[in-house]
Amino acid sequence: MHNSDEKRRLTWWKVLLVAAVFVLLLYGLDLALYPCTFMRNDIHAITTTHYDDIIVGTSHGKMGIDPDTMEEITGRSAHNACVGGEYGIDVYYLTKLAIETQDPERIIYEVGPGYFATEKEEGNNYLLFYHEFPLSLTKVEYFFDCIAQTNFRTVLFPWYEYSLSYELPQVSETLMRKLTGDYSVDSLKSDSQEYHESGFIERYAVDTSTLPLTVQNLFSLDALVEENMEYLEKTIDLCEENGVEFVAVITPIPAATLGTWWDNFMDAYDLFAELFEEKGVTCLNFNTDYYFEASHEIEDFTDYDGHMNGDAAREFSKVLAKYLNALEEDSEI
């Protein structure tokens, strides 16, 4: 009997040892092979520094709203945590994380209509945000609400979505940056764009004469995903419950794009206008109500989808800041 108990205990210790080695191996591979994305910098910024404003939304916001330019006018600190592939569920948990860790005064949500008529696809965008979350109640909730439903490889081997032919030569640099807590932006720059410490990505101007007239994730009422709308409402409610101001912004797109797909965009804008009115939310739509306050010339964009070049983004950010100031003044009356 005594020998049987000893064997059973020894077996459990072996199982625990193997499990521990497996976990350490996964952690080591993640440390070495998962790249240092700009979202790593964004999450670090909004969880370690208090900002008056946190900007969330899509790539249109990432490349169209410059917090540094806005701060010159509003006097409020801000960080841009927008990115392509940031769906309603991601915005909700980013907002929740920011409130849990640094309690911002205002959330500025750049609304990309196409993201409400498409499903969130599996791939590295599933982990782009979650992977960088610090251990927190929000991260646990985010995991069960979103990540646990994905392919098991996404959970156990998060680096598998990235090309090893690219990551292997970067292993020593990746490890060094993570182990030393290096959040410099020097490496987050390419021939077409650069990431700023404020979270803003500045796209360089391009020759617009050769651009194809295309748009990604075109909105359609028939394709509307109710879950995406639900998370928008949940984010609004979360802000209200925590005394955080919520402002929606729809950034300008080229006039040719708006004219070509007029019905699609108007269906989206009517839908959001109705929701925001019901929720008592201010929406600054620079393609309808504030159309003439911003440029819609293709020369100010890098594509017909609506991604601005750096100079145009700074000009638009001045306009946006002016209207945000006006909202603040109205609230004080």
C-alpha atoms as a PDB file:
ATOM      1  CA  MET A   1       0.000   0.000   0.000  1.00  0.00           C
ATOM      2  CA  HIS A   2       2.804   2.356   0.966  1.00  0.00           C
ATOM      3  CA  ASN A   3       4.669   1.641  -2.293  1.00  0.00           C
ATOM      4  CA  SER A   4       1.476   2.252  -4.292  1.00  0.00           C
ATOM      5  CA  ASP A   5       1.018   5.724  -2.713  1.00  0.00           C
ATOM      6  CA  GLU A   6       4.647   6.576  -3.376  1.00  0.00           C
ATOM      7  CA  LYS A   7       4.322   5.594  -7.024  1.00  0.00           C
ATOM      8  CA  ARG A   8       1.124   7.641  -7.376  1.00  0.00           C
ATOM      9  CA  ARG A   9       2.802  10.723  -5.878  1.00  0.00           C
ATOM     10  CA  LEU A  10       5.844  10.231  -8.086  1.00  0.00           C
ATOM     11  CA  THR A  11       3.615   9.973 -11.170  1.00  0.00           C
ATOM     12  CA  TRP A  12       1.886  13.278 -10.297  1.00  0.00           C
ATOM     13  CA  TRP A  13       5.220  14.997  -9.791  1.00  0.00           C
ATOM     14  CA  LYS A  14       6.334  13.775 -13.217  1.00  0.00           C
ATOM     15  CA  VAL A  15       3.118  15.086 -14.796  1.00  0.00           C
ATOM     16  CA  LEU A  16       3.554  18.471 -13.096  1.00  0.00           C
ATOM     17  CA  LEU A  17       7.200  18.621 -14.149  1.00  0.00           C
ATOM     18  CA  VAL A  18       6.350  17.855 -17.786  1.00  0.00           C
ATOM     19  CA  ALA A  19       3.567  20.472 -17.700  1.00  0.00           C
ATOM     20  CA  ALA A  20       5.927  23.058 -16.218  1.00  0.00           C
ATOM     21  CA  VAL A  21       8.560  22.358 -18.881  1.00  0.00           C
ATOM     22  CA  PHE A  22       5.877  22.630 -21.595  1.00  0.00           C
ATOM     23  CA  VAL A  23       4.653  25.987 -20.247  1.00  0.00           C
ATOM     24  CA  LEU A  24       8.202  27.331 -19.992  1.00  0.00           C
ATOM     25  CA  LEU A  25       8.942  26.162 -23.537  1.00  0.00           C
ATOM     26  CA  LEU A  26       5.828  27.907 -24.872  1.00  0.00           C
ATOM     27  CA  TYR A  27       6.709  31.056 -22.961  1.00  0.00           C
ATOM     28  CA  GLY A  28      10.249  31.032 -24.298  1.00  0.00           C
ATOM     29  CA  LEU A  29       9.099  30.555 -27.892  1.00  0.00           C
ATOM     30  CA  ASP A  30       6.526  33.307 -27.479  1.00  0.00           C
ATOM     31  CA  LEU A  31       9.186  35.609 -26.064  1.00  0.00           C
ATOM     32  CA  ALA A  32      11.536  34.914 -28.953  1.00  0.00           C
ATOM     33  CA  LEU A  33       9.199  34.546 -31.932  1.00  0.00           C
ATOM     34  CA  TYR A  34       6.197  36.804 -31.322  1.00  0.00           C
ATOM     35  CA  PRO A  35       7.193  40.149 -32.871  1.00  0.00           C
ATOM     36  CA  CYS A  36       7.280  43.530 -31.132  1.00  0.00           C
ATOM     37  CA  THR A  37       4.292  45.115 -32.860  1.00  0.00           C
ATOM     38  CA  PHE A  38       3.234  48.742 -32.521  1.00  0.00           C
ATOM     39  CA  MET A  39       0.258  47.490 -30.501  1.00  0.00           C
ATOM     40  CA  ARG A  40       2.797  46.415 -27.856  1.00  0.00           C
ATOM     41  CA  ASN A  41       3.722  50.095 -27.542  1.00  0.00           C
ATOM     42  CA  ASP A  42       0.079  51.214 -27.562  1.00  0.00           C
ATOM     43  CA  ILE A  43      -1.035  48.861 -24.787  1.00  0.00           C
ATOM     44  CA  HIS A  44       2.029  49.701 -22.707  1.00  0.00           C
ATOM     45  CA  ALA A  45       1.276  53.413 -23.112  1.00  0.00           C
ATOM     46  CA  ILE A  46      -2.407  53.325 -22.139  1.00  0.00           C
ATOM     47  CA  THR A  47      -1.820  51.039 -19.147  1.00  0.00           C
ATOM     48  CA  THR A  48       1.205  52.814 -17.649  1.00  0.00           C
ATOM     49  CA  THR A  49       0.444  56.477 -18.389  1.00  0.00           C
ATOM     50  CA  HIS A  50      -2.690  58.484 -17.684  1.00  0.00           C
ATOM     51  CA  TYR A  51      -4.086  60.183 -20.772  1.00  0.00           C
ATOM     52  CA  ASP A  52      -7.043  62.535 -20.828  1.00  0.00           C
ATOM     53  CA  ASP A  53      -8.175  61.037 -24.133  1.00  0.00           C
ATOM     54  CA  ILE A  54      -7.834  57.537 -25.562  1.00  0.00           C
ATOM     55  CA  ILE A  55      -8.575  57.208 -29.279  1.00  0.00           C
ATOM     56  CA  VAL A  56      -9.872  53.834 -30.468  1.00  0.00           C
ATOM     57  CA  GLY A  57     -11.095  52.597 -33.834  1.00  0.00           C
ATOM     58  CA  THR A  58      -9.796  51.473 -37.206  1.00  0.00           C
ATOM     59  CA  SER A  59      -6.818  52.201 -39.444  1.00  0.00           C
ATOM     60  CA  HIS A  60      -8.566  55.371 -40.669  1.00  0.00           C
ATOM     61  CA  GLY A  61      -8.236  56.708 -37.148  1.00  0.00           C
ATOM     62  CA  LYS A  62      -4.708  55.363 -36.743  1.00  0.00           C
ATOM     63  CA  MET A  63      -3.519  57.273 -39.796  1.00  0.00           C
ATOM     64  CA  GLY A  64      -5.902  60.207 -39.572  1.00  0.00           C
ATOM     65  CA  ILE A  65      -5.767  61.430 -35.967  1.00  0.00           C
ATOM     66  CA  ASP A  66      -2.521  62.838 -34.553  1.00  0.00           C
ATOM     67  CA  PRO A  67      -2.685  63.236 -30.739  1.00  0.00           C
ATOM     68  CA  ASP A  68       0.288  65.618 -30.650  1.00  0.00           C
ATOM     69  CA  THR A  69      -1.397  68.034 -33.051  1.00  0.00           C
ATOM     70  CA  MET A  70      -4.643  67.803 -31.081  1.00  0.00           C
ATOM     71  CA  GLU A  71      -2.906  68.470 -27.781  1.00  0.00           C
ATOM     72  CA  GLU A  72      -1.513  71.760 -29.116  1.00  0.00           C
ATOM     73  CA  ILE A  73      -5.117  72.952 -29.440  1.00  0.00           C
ATOM     74  CA  THR A  74      -7.047  71.102 -26.727  1.00  0.00           C
ATOM     75  CA  GLY A  75      -4.326  71.072 -24.063  1.00  0.00           C
ATOM     76  CA  ARG A  76      -5.341  67.470 -23.343  1.00  0.00           C
ATOM     77  CA  SER A  77      -2.988  64.512 -23.453  1.00  0.00           C
ATOM     78  CA  ALA A  78      -4.036  61.674 -25.760  1.00  0.00           C
ATOM     79  CA  HIS A  79      -2.908  58.364 -27.194  1.00  0.00           C
ATOM     80  CA  ASN A  80      -4.041  56.781 -30.450  1.00  0.00           C
ATOM     81  CA  ALA A  81      -4.856  53.088 -29.932  1.00  0.00           C
ATOM     82  CA  CYS A  82      -6.663  52.620 -33.256  1.00  0.00           C
ATOM     83  CA  VAL A  83      -5.526  49.955 -35.719  1.00  0.00           C
ATOM     84  CA  GLY A  84      -6.761  48.042 -38.733  1.00  0.00           C
ATOM     85  CA  GLY A  85      -8.691  44.964 -37.618  1.00  0.00           C
ATOM     86  CA  GLU A  86      -9.908  46.568 -34.390  1.00  0.00           C
ATOM     87  CA  TYR A  87     -13.500  45.349 -34.154  1.00  0.00           C
ATOM     88  CA  GLY A  88     -16.156  46.347 -31.652  1.00  0.00           C
ATOM     89  CA  ILE A  89     -15.203  43.572 -29.239  1.00  0.00           C
ATOM     90  CA  ASP A  90     -11.580  44.754 -29.257  1.00  0.00           C
ATOM     91  CA  VAL A  91     -12.581  48.382 -28.711  1.00  0.00           C
ATOM     92  CA  TYR A  92     -14.739  47.340 -25.776  1.00  0.00           C
ATOM     93  CA  TYR A  93     -11.904  45.512 -24.036  1.00  0.00           C
ATOM     94  CA  LEU A  94      -9.323  48.189 -24.852  1.00  0.00           C
ATOM     95  CA  THR A  95     -11.657  50.733 -23.287  1.00  0.00           C
ATOM     96  CA  LYS A  96     -12.261  48.486 -20.295  1.00  0.00           C
ATOM     97  CA  LEU A  97      -8.525  47.958 -19.846  1.00  0.00           C
ATOM     98  CA  ALA A  98      -7.836  51.700 -20.031  1.00  0.00           C
ATOM     99  CA  ILE A  99     -10.523  52.385 -17.436  1.00  0.00           C
ATOM    100  CA  GLU A 100      -9.258  49.570 -15.192  1.00  0.00           C
ATOM    101  CA  THR A 101      -5.650  50.760 -15.259  1.00  0.00           C
ATOM    102  CA  GLN A 102      -5.544  54.519 -15.908  1.00  0.00           C
ATOM    103  CA  ASP A 103      -9.132  55.881 -15.885  1.00  0.00           C
ATOM    104  CA  PRO A 104      -9.121  58.303 -18.872  1.00  0.00           C
ATOM    105  CA  GLU A 105     -11.544  61.238 -19.040  1.00  0.00           C
ATOM    106  CA  ARG A 106     -12.697  60.626 -22.603  1.00  0.00           C
ATOM    107  CA  ILE A 107     -12.899  57.894 -25.216  1.00  0.00           C
ATOM    108  CA  ILE A 108     -12.853  59.068 -28.836  1.00  0.00           C
ATOM    109  CA  TYR A 109     -14.198  56.255 -31.005  1.00  0.00           C
ATOM    110  CA  GLU A 110     -13.367  56.508 -34.712  1.00  0.00           C
ATOM    111  CA  VAL A 111     -16.219  54.559 -36.300  1.00  0.00           C
ATOM    112  CA  GLY A 112     -15.409  52.584 -39.457  1.00  0.00           C
ATOM    113  CA  PRO A 113     -18.763  51.471 -40.962  1.00  0.00           C
ATOM    114  CA  GLY A 114     -17.311  48.495 -42.835  1.00  0.00           C
ATOM    115  CA  TYR A 115     -16.242  46.869 -39.583  1.00  0.00           C
ATOM    116  CA  PHE A 116     -19.879  46.550 -38.552  1.00  0.00           C
ATOM    117  CA  ALA A 117     -20.787  44.542 -41.655  1.00  0.00           C
ATOM    118  CA  THR A 118     -17.971  41.995 -41.532  1.00  0.00           C
ATOM    119  CA  GLU A 119     -17.036  39.189 -39.168  1.00  0.00           C
ATOM    120  CA  LYS A 120     -13.792  39.260 -37.229  1.00  0.00           C
ATOM    121  CA  GLU A 121     -11.484  36.873 -39.053  1.00  0.00           C
ATOM    122  CA  GLU A 122      -9.127  34.443 -37.401  1.00  0.00           C
ATOM    123  CA  GLY A 123      -5.458  35.301 -37.766  1.00  0.00           C
ATOM    124  CA  ASN A 124      -2.848  37.462 -36.087  1.00  0.00           C
ATOM    125  CA  ASN A 125      -5.384  40.283 -35.623  1.00  0.00           C
ATOM    126  CA  TYR A 126      -7.160  38.068 -33.093  1.00  0.00           C
ATOM    127  CA  LEU A 127      -4.085  38.273 -30.881  1.00  0.00           C
ATOM    128  CA  LEU A 128      -2.808  41.714 -31.859  1.00  0.00           C
ATOM    129  CA  PHE A 129      -4.545  43.337 -28.882  1.00  0.00           C
ATOM    130  CA  TYR A 130      -5.066  40.501 -26.389  1.00  0.00           C
ATOM    131  CA  HIS A 131      -1.461  39.305 -26.532  1.00  0.00           C
ATOM    132  CA  GLU A 132      -0.192  42.637 -25.180  1.00  0.00           C
ATOM    133  CA  PHE A 133      -2.731  43.006 -22.355  1.00  0.00           C
ATOM    134  CA  PRO A 134      -1.108  42.882 -18.906  1.00  0.00           C
ATOM    135  CA  LEU A 135      -2.485  40.278 -16.525  1.00  0.00           C
ATOM    136  CA  SER A 136      -5.788  41.725 -15.387  1.00  0.00           C
ATOM    137  CA  LEU A 137      -9.458  40.921 -14.871  1.00  0.00           C
ATOM    138  CA  THR A 138     -10.135  42.479 -18.265  1.00  0.00           C
ATOM    139  CA  LYS A 139      -7.669  40.128 -19.961  1.00  0.00           C
ATOM    140  CA  VAL A 140      -9.319  37.092 -18.381  1.00  0.00           C
ATOM    141  CA  GLU A 141     -12.764  38.235 -19.517  1.00  0.00           C
ATOM    142  CA  TYR A 142     -11.425  39.057 -22.991  1.00  0.00           C
ATOM    143  CA  PHE A 143      -9.955  35.550 -23.253  1.00  0.00           C
ATOM    144  CA  PHE A 144     -13.231  33.742 -22.534  1.00  0.00           C
ATOM    145  CA  ASP A 145     -15.288  36.155 -24.609  1.00  0.00           C
ATOM    146  CA  CYS A 146     -13.105  36.057 -27.708  1.00  0.00           C
ATOM    147  CA  ILE A 147      -9.802  34.190 -27.722  1.00  0.00           C
ATOM    148  CA  ALA A 148     -11.018  30.856 -26.304  1.00  0.00           C
ATOM    149  CA  GLN A 149     -13.246  30.419 -29.367  1.00  0.00           C
ATOM    150  CA  THR A 150     -10.359  30.518 -31.836  1.00  0.00           C
ATOM    151  CA  ASN A 151      -8.150  27.789 -33.261  1.00  0.00           C
ATOM    152  CA  PHE A 152      -6.148  26.189 -30.408  1.00  0.00           C
ATOM    153  CA  ARG A 153      -2.906  27.179 -32.144  1.00  0.00           C
ATOM    154  CA  THR A 154      -3.846  30.827 -31.637  1.00  0.00           C
ATOM    155  CA  VAL A 155      -3.885  30.258 -27.879  1.00  0.00           C
ATOM    156  CA  LEU A 156      -0.896  27.931 -27.487  1.00  0.00           C
ATOM    157  CA  PHE A 157       1.346  29.064 -30.341  1.00  0.00           C
ATOM    158  CA  PRO A 158       0.571  32.762 -30.942  1.00  0.00           C
ATOM    159  CA  TRP A 159       3.655  33.235 -33.106  1.00  0.00           C
ATOM    160  CA  TYR A 160       2.471  30.724 -35.737  1.00  0.00           C
ATOM    161  CA  GLU A 161       0.609  33.450 -37.651  1.00  0.00           C
ATOM    162  CA  TYR A 162       3.905  35.223 -38.354  1.00  0.00           C
ATOM    163  CA  SER A 163       6.434  34.106 -40.934  1.00  0.00           C
ATOM    164  CA  LEU A 164       9.440  32.375 -39.378  1.00  0.00           C
ATOM    165  CA  SER A 165      11.535  33.505 -42.327  1.00  0.00           C
ATOM    166  CA  TYR A 166      11.003  37.029 -41.024  1.00  0.00           C
ATOM    167  CA  GLU A 167      11.004  36.342 -37.282  1.00  0.00           C
ATOM    168  CA  LEU A 168      14.064  34.100 -36.955  1.00  0.00           C
ATOM    169  CA  PRO A 169      16.574  36.780 -38.055  1.00  0.00           C
ATOM    170  CA  GLN A 170      14.913  39.147 -35.557  1.00  0.00           C
ATOM    171  CA  VAL A 171      15.057  36.798 -32.550  1.00  0.00           C
ATOM    172  CA  SER A 172      17.972  38.444 -30.756  1.00  0.00           C
ATOM    173  CA  GLU A 173      16.525  41.947 -31.240  1.00  0.00           C
ATOM    174  CA  THR A 174      13.037  40.812 -30.182  1.00  0.00           C
ATOM    175  CA  LEU A 175      14.365  39.141 -27.052  1.00  0.00           C
ATOM    176  CA  MET A 176      16.519  42.124 -26.128  1.00  0.00           C
ATOM    177  CA  ARG A 177      13.654  44.600 -26.516  1.00  0.00           C
ATOM    178  CA  LYS A 178      11.303  42.488 -24.400  1.00  0.00           C
ATOM    179  CA  LEU A 179      13.812  41.627 -21.676  1.00  0.00           C
ATOM    180  CA  THR A 180      14.992  45.245 -21.322  1.00  0.00           C
ATOM    181  CA  GLY A 181      11.531  46.813 -21.592  1.00  0.00           C
ATOM    182  CA  ASP A 182      12.535  48.710 -24.740  1.00  0.00           C
ATOM    183  CA  TYR A 183       9.553  50.530 -26.275  1.00  0.00           C
ATOM    184  CA  SER A 184      11.481  52.737 -28.690  1.00  0.00           C
ATOM    185  CA  VAL A 185       9.800  53.395 -32.040  1.00  0.00           C
ATOM    186  CA  ASP A 186      12.906  53.293 -34.244  1.00  0.00           C
ATOM    187  CA  SER A 187      12.115  49.875 -35.682  1.00  0.00           C
ATOM    188  CA  LEU A 188       8.447  50.705 -36.332  1.00  0.00           C
ATOM    189  CA  LYS A 189       9.148  52.509 -39.565  1.00  0.00           C
ATOM    190  CA  SER A 190       9.068  51.485 -43.211  1.00  0.00           C
ATOM    191  CA  ASP A 191       9.405  53.023 -46.659  1.00  0.00           C
ATOM    192  CA  SER A 192       5.710  53.986 -46.629  1.00  0.00           C
ATOM    193  CA  GLN A 193       4.951  54.967 -43.035  1.00  0.00           C
ATOM    194  CA  GLU A 194       6.246  55.526 -39.514  1.00  0.00           C
ATOM    195  CA  TYR A 195       4.826  54.989 -36.055  1.00  0.00           C
ATOM    196  CA  HIS A 196       4.972  57.864 -33.567  1.00  0.00           C
ATOM    197  CA  GLU A 197       5.153  57.533 -29.783  1.00  0.00           C
ATOM    198  CA  SER A 198       1.650  59.027 -29.600  1.00  0.00           C
ATOM    199  CA  GLY A 199       0.285  55.965 -31.425  1.00  0.00           C
ATOM    200  CA  PHE A 200      -0.271  57.917 -34.646  1.00  0.00           C
ATOM    201  CA  ILE A 201       0.980  56.246 -37.832  1.00  0.00           C
ATOM    202  CA  GLU A 202       2.095  58.785 -40.403  1.00  0.00           C
ATOM    203  CA  ARG A 203       1.694  57.587 -43.946  1.00  0.00           C
ATOM    204  CA  TYR A 204       3.903  59.214 -46.536  1.00  0.00           C
ATOM    205  CA  ALA A 205       2.256  60.896 -49.522  1.00  0.00           C
ATOM    206  CA  VAL A 206       1.912  58.818 -52.692  1.00  0.00           C
ATOM    207  CA  ASP A 207       1.281  59.429 -56.384  1.00  0.00           C
ATOM    208  CA  THR A 208      -2.520  59.447 -56.345  1.00  0.00           C
ATOM    209  CA  SER A 209      -2.897  59.512 -60.136  1.00  0.00           C
ATOM    210  CA  THR A 210      -2.392  55.744 -60.347  1.00  0.00           C
ATOM    211  CA  LEU A 211      -4.572  54.698 -57.396  1.00  0.00           C
ATOM    212  CA  PRO A 212      -7.404  52.222 -58.132  1.00  0.00           C
ATOM    213  CA  LEU A 213     -10.893  53.282 -57.028  1.00  0.00           C
ATOM    214  CA  THR A 214     -11.484  50.559 -54.445  1.00  0.00           C
ATOM    215  CA  VAL A 215     -12.762  50.365 -50.884  1.00  0.00           C
ATOM    216  CA  GLN A 216     -12.295  47.656 -48.258  1.00  0.00           C
ATOM    217  CA  ASN A 217     -15.060  46.263 -46.045  1.00  0.00           C
ATOM    218  CA  LEU A 218     -17.891  48.124 -47.788  1.00  0.00           C
ATOM    219  CA  PHE A 219     -20.882  48.586 -45.491  1.00  0.00           C
ATOM    220  CA  SER A 220     -24.209  46.918 -46.291  1.00  0.00           C
ATOM    221  CA  LEU A 221     -27.342  46.716 -44.152  1.00  0.00           C
ATOM    222  CA  ASP A 222     -27.872  43.143 -45.371  1.00  0.00           C
ATOM    223  CA  ALA A 223     -24.459  42.155 -44.024  1.00  0.00           C
ATOM    224  CA  LEU A 224     -24.775  43.968 -40.675  1.00  0.00           C
ATOM    225  CA  VAL A 225     -23.329  41.892 -37.819  1.00  0.00           C
ATOM    226  CA  GLU A 226     -25.467  42.490 -34.758  1.00  0.00           C
ATOM    227  CA  GLU A 227     -22.691  41.475 -32.354  1.00  0.00           C
ATOM    228  CA  ASN A 228     -20.545  44.351 -33.640  1.00  0.00           C
ATOM    229  CA  MET A 229     -23.355  46.811 -32.943  1.00  0.00           C
ATOM    230  CA  GLU A 230     -23.891  45.282 -29.505  1.00  0.00           C
ATOM    231  CA  TYR A 231     -20.258  45.880 -28.560  1.00  0.00           C
ATOM    232  CA  LEU A 232     -20.502  49.485 -29.695  1.00  0.00           C
ATOM    233  CA  GLU A 233     -23.466  49.908 -27.342  1.00  0.00           C
ATOM    234  CA  LYS A 234     -21.617  48.073 -24.574  1.00  0.00           C
ATOM    235  CA  THR A 235     -18.669  50.448 -24.947  1.00  0.00           C
ATOM    236  CA  ILE A 236     -20.966  53.479 -24.716  1.00  0.00           C
ATOM    237  CA  ASP A 237     -22.639  52.014 -21.614  1.00  0.00           C
ATOM    238  CA  LEU A 238     -19.275  51.151 -20.051  1.00  0.00           C
ATOM    239  CA  CYS A 239     -18.109  54.742 -20.438  1.00  0.00           C
ATOM    240  CA  GLU A 240     -21.350  56.101 -18.973  1.00  0.00           C
ATOM    241  CA  GLU A 241     -21.149  53.752 -15.985  1.00  0.00           C
ATOM    242  CA  ASN A 242     -17.603  54.914 -15.231  1.00  0.00           C
ATOM    243  CA  GLY A 243     -18.110  58.629 -15.808  1.00  0.00           C
ATOM    244  CA  VAL A 244     -16.015  58.629 -18.992  1.00  0.00           C
ATOM    245  CA  GLU A 245     -17.094  60.914 -21.835  1.00  0.00           C
ATOM    246  CA  PHE A 246     -17.718  59.134 -25.149  1.00  0.00           C
ATOM    247  CA  VAL A 247     -17.434  60.906 -28.504  1.00  0.00           C
ATOM    248  CA  ALA A 248     -17.854  59.212 -31.898  1.00  0.00           C
ATOM    249  CA  VAL A 249     -15.930  60.435 -34.945  1.00  0.00           C
ATOM    250  CA  ILE A 250     -16.274  59.467 -38.607  1.00  0.00           C
ATOM    251  CA  THR A 251     -13.176  60.601 -40.489  1.00  0.00           C
ATOM    252  CA  PRO A 252     -13.350  62.059 -44.020  1.00  0.00           C
ATOM    253  CA  ILE A 253     -12.984  59.852 -47.073  1.00  0.00           C
ATOM    254  CA  PRO A 254     -12.290  60.891 -50.685  1.00  0.00           C
ATOM    255  CA  ALA A 255     -15.234  62.512 -52.482  1.00  0.00           C
ATOM    256  CA  ALA A 256     -14.975  59.965 -55.307  1.00  0.00           C
ATOM    257  CA  THR A 257     -15.359  57.082 -52.838  1.00  0.00           C
ATOM    258  CA  LEU A 258     -18.336  58.688 -51.143  1.00  0.00           C
ATOM    259  CA  GLY A 259     -20.016  59.379 -54.487  1.00  0.00           C
ATOM    260  CA  THR A 260     -19.409  55.915 -55.944  1.00  0.00           C
ATOM    261  CA  TRP A 261     -20.870  54.048 -52.978  1.00  0.00           C
ATOM    262  CA  TRP A 262     -23.239  56.784 -51.775  1.00  0.00           C
ATOM    263  CA  ASP A 263     -26.128  54.489 -50.760  1.00  0.00           C
ATOM    264  CA  ASN A 264     -23.868  52.189 -48.730  1.00  0.00           C
ATOM    265  CA  PHE A 265     -22.330  55.043 -46.785  1.00  0.00           C
ATOM    266  CA  MET A 266     -25.641  56.838 -46.228  1.00  0.00           C
ATOM    267  CA  ASP A 267     -27.233  53.619 -44.915  1.00  0.00           C
ATOM    268  CA  ALA A 268     -24.367  53.338 -42.429  1.00  0.00           C
ATOM    269  CA  TYR A 269     -24.466  56.987 -41.379  1.00  0.00           C
ATOM    270  CA  ASP A 270     -28.240  56.903 -40.859  1.00  0.00           C
ATOM    271  CA  LEU A 271     -27.901  53.764 -38.745  1.00  0.00           C
ATOM    272  CA  PHE A 272     -25.216  55.266 -36.521  1.00  0.00           C
ATOM    273  CA  ALA A 273     -26.969  58.625 -36.269  1.00  0.00           C
ATOM    274  CA  GLU A 274     -30.083  56.887 -34.951  1.00  0.00           C
ATOM    275  CA  LEU A 275     -28.106  54.855 -32.411  1.00  0.00           C
ATOM    276  CA  PHE A 276     -26.044  57.805 -31.190  1.00  0.00           C
ATOM    277  CA  GLU A 277     -29.121  59.989 -30.831  1.00  0.00           C
ATOM    278  CA  GLU A 278     -30.816  57.248 -28.810  1.00  0.00           C
ATOM    279  CA  LYS A 279     -27.728  56.924 -26.592  1.00  0.00           C
ATOM    280  CA  GLY A 280     -27.219  60.684 -26.237  1.00  0.00           C
ATOM    281  CA  VAL A 281     -23.795  60.472 -27.889  1.00  0.00           C
ATOM    282  CA  THR A 282     -22.183  63.219 -29.954  1.00  0.00           C
ATOM    283  CA  CYS A 283     -21.014  62.058 -33.374  1.00  0.00           C
ATOM    284  CA  LEU A 284     -18.741  64.257 -35.476  1.00  0.00           C
ATOM    285  CA  ASN A 285     -19.305  62.950 -39.002  1.00  0.00           C
ATOM    286  CA  PHE A 286     -16.959  64.647 -41.449  1.00  0.00           C
ATOM    287  CA  ASN A 287     -18.677  63.041 -44.433  1.00  0.00           C
ATOM    288  CA  THR A 288     -22.119  64.528 -43.717  1.00  0.00           C
ATOM    289  CA  ASP A 289     -22.748  67.243 -41.103  1.00  0.00           C
ATOM    290  CA  TYR A 290     -19.149  68.502 -41.085  1.00  0.00           C
ATOM    291  CA  TYR A 291     -18.306  67.662 -44.698  1.00  0.00           C
ATOM    292  CA  PHE A 292     -16.967  71.095 -45.613  1.00  0.00           C
ATOM    293  CA  GLU A 293     -14.730  71.278 -42.535  1.00  0.00           C
ATOM    294  CA  ALA A 294     -12.264  68.703 -43.881  1.00  0.00           C
ATOM    295  CA  SER A 295     -10.582  67.889 -47.171  1.00  0.00           C
ATOM    296  CA  HIS A 296     -11.987  65.161 -49.407  1.00  0.00           C
ATOM    297  CA  GLU A 297      -9.455  65.629 -52.204  1.00  0.00           C
ATOM    298  CA  ILE A 298      -7.738  62.396 -53.207  1.00  0.00           C
ATOM    299  CA  GLU A 299      -4.351  64.171 -53.056  1.00  0.00           C
ATOM    300  CA  ASP A 300      -4.698  64.210 -49.251  1.00  0.00           C
ATOM    301  CA  PHE A 301      -5.075  60.434 -49.069  1.00  0.00           C
ATOM    302  CA  THR A 302      -2.908  57.420 -49.824  1.00  0.00           C
ATOM    303  CA  ASP A 303      -5.808  55.371 -51.235  1.00  0.00           C
ATOM    304  CA  TYR A 304      -9.488  55.697 -52.066  1.00  0.00           C
ATOM    305  CA  ASP A 305     -10.365  53.756 -48.923  1.00  0.00           C
ATOM    306  CA  GLY A 306      -9.690  56.860 -46.840  1.00  0.00           C
ATOM    307  CA  HIS A 307      -6.244  56.591 -45.251  1.00  0.00           C
ATOM    308  CA  MET A 308      -4.793  60.108 -45.056  1.00  0.00           C
ATOM    309  CA  ASN A 309      -1.190  61.064 -45.596  1.00  0.00           C
ATOM    310  CA  GLY A 310       0.671  62.632 -42.691  1.00  0.00           C
ATOM    311  CA  ASP A 311       0.223  66.287 -43.629  1.00  0.00           C
ATOM    312  CA  ALA A 312      -3.512  65.860 -44.243  1.00  0.00           C
ATOM    313  CA  ALA A 313      -3.888  63.968 -40.953  1.00  0.00           C
ATOM    314  CA  ARG A 314      -2.309  66.822 -39.024  1.00  0.00           C
ATOM    315  CA  GLU A 315      -4.620  69.333 -40.713  1.00  0.00           C
ATOM    316  CA  PHE A 316      -7.643  67.173 -39.972  1.00  0.00           C
ATOM    317  CA  SER A 317      -6.514  66.737 -36.359  1.00  0.00           C
ATOM    318  CA  LYS A 318      -6.573  70.531 -35.957  1.00  0.00           C
ATOM    319  CA  VAL A 319     -10.174  70.616 -37.163  1.00  0.00           C
ATOM    320  CA  LEU A 320     -11.163  67.706 -34.939  1.00  0.00           C
ATOM    321  CA  ALA A 321      -9.497  69.359 -31.942  1.00  0.00           C
ATOM    322  CA  LYS A 322     -11.437  72.562 -32.589  1.00  0.00           C
ATOM    323  CA  TYR A 323     -14.749  70.714 -32.459  1.00  0.00           C
ATOM    324  CA  LEU A 324     -13.737  68.725 -29.398  1.00  0.00           C
ATOM    325  CA  ASN A 325     -12.944  72.034 -27.694  1.00  0.00           C
ATOM    326  CA  ALA A 326     -16.382  73.329 -28.674  1.00  0.00           C
ATOM    327  CA  LEU A 327     -18.011  70.259 -27.130  1.00  0.00           C
ATOM    328  CA  GLU A 328     -16.106  70.834 -23.912  1.00  0.00           C
ATOM    329  CA  GLU A 329     -17.166  74.473 -23.807  1.00  0.00           C
ATOM    330  CA  ASP A 330     -20.800  73.534 -24.394  1.00  0.00           C
ATOM    331  CA  SER A 331     -20.688  71.029 -21.543  1.00  0.00           C
ATOM    332  CA  GLU A 332     -19.520  73.748 -19.168  1.00  0.00           C
ATOM    333  CA  ILE A 333     -22.433  76.075 -19.941  1.00  0.00           C
END
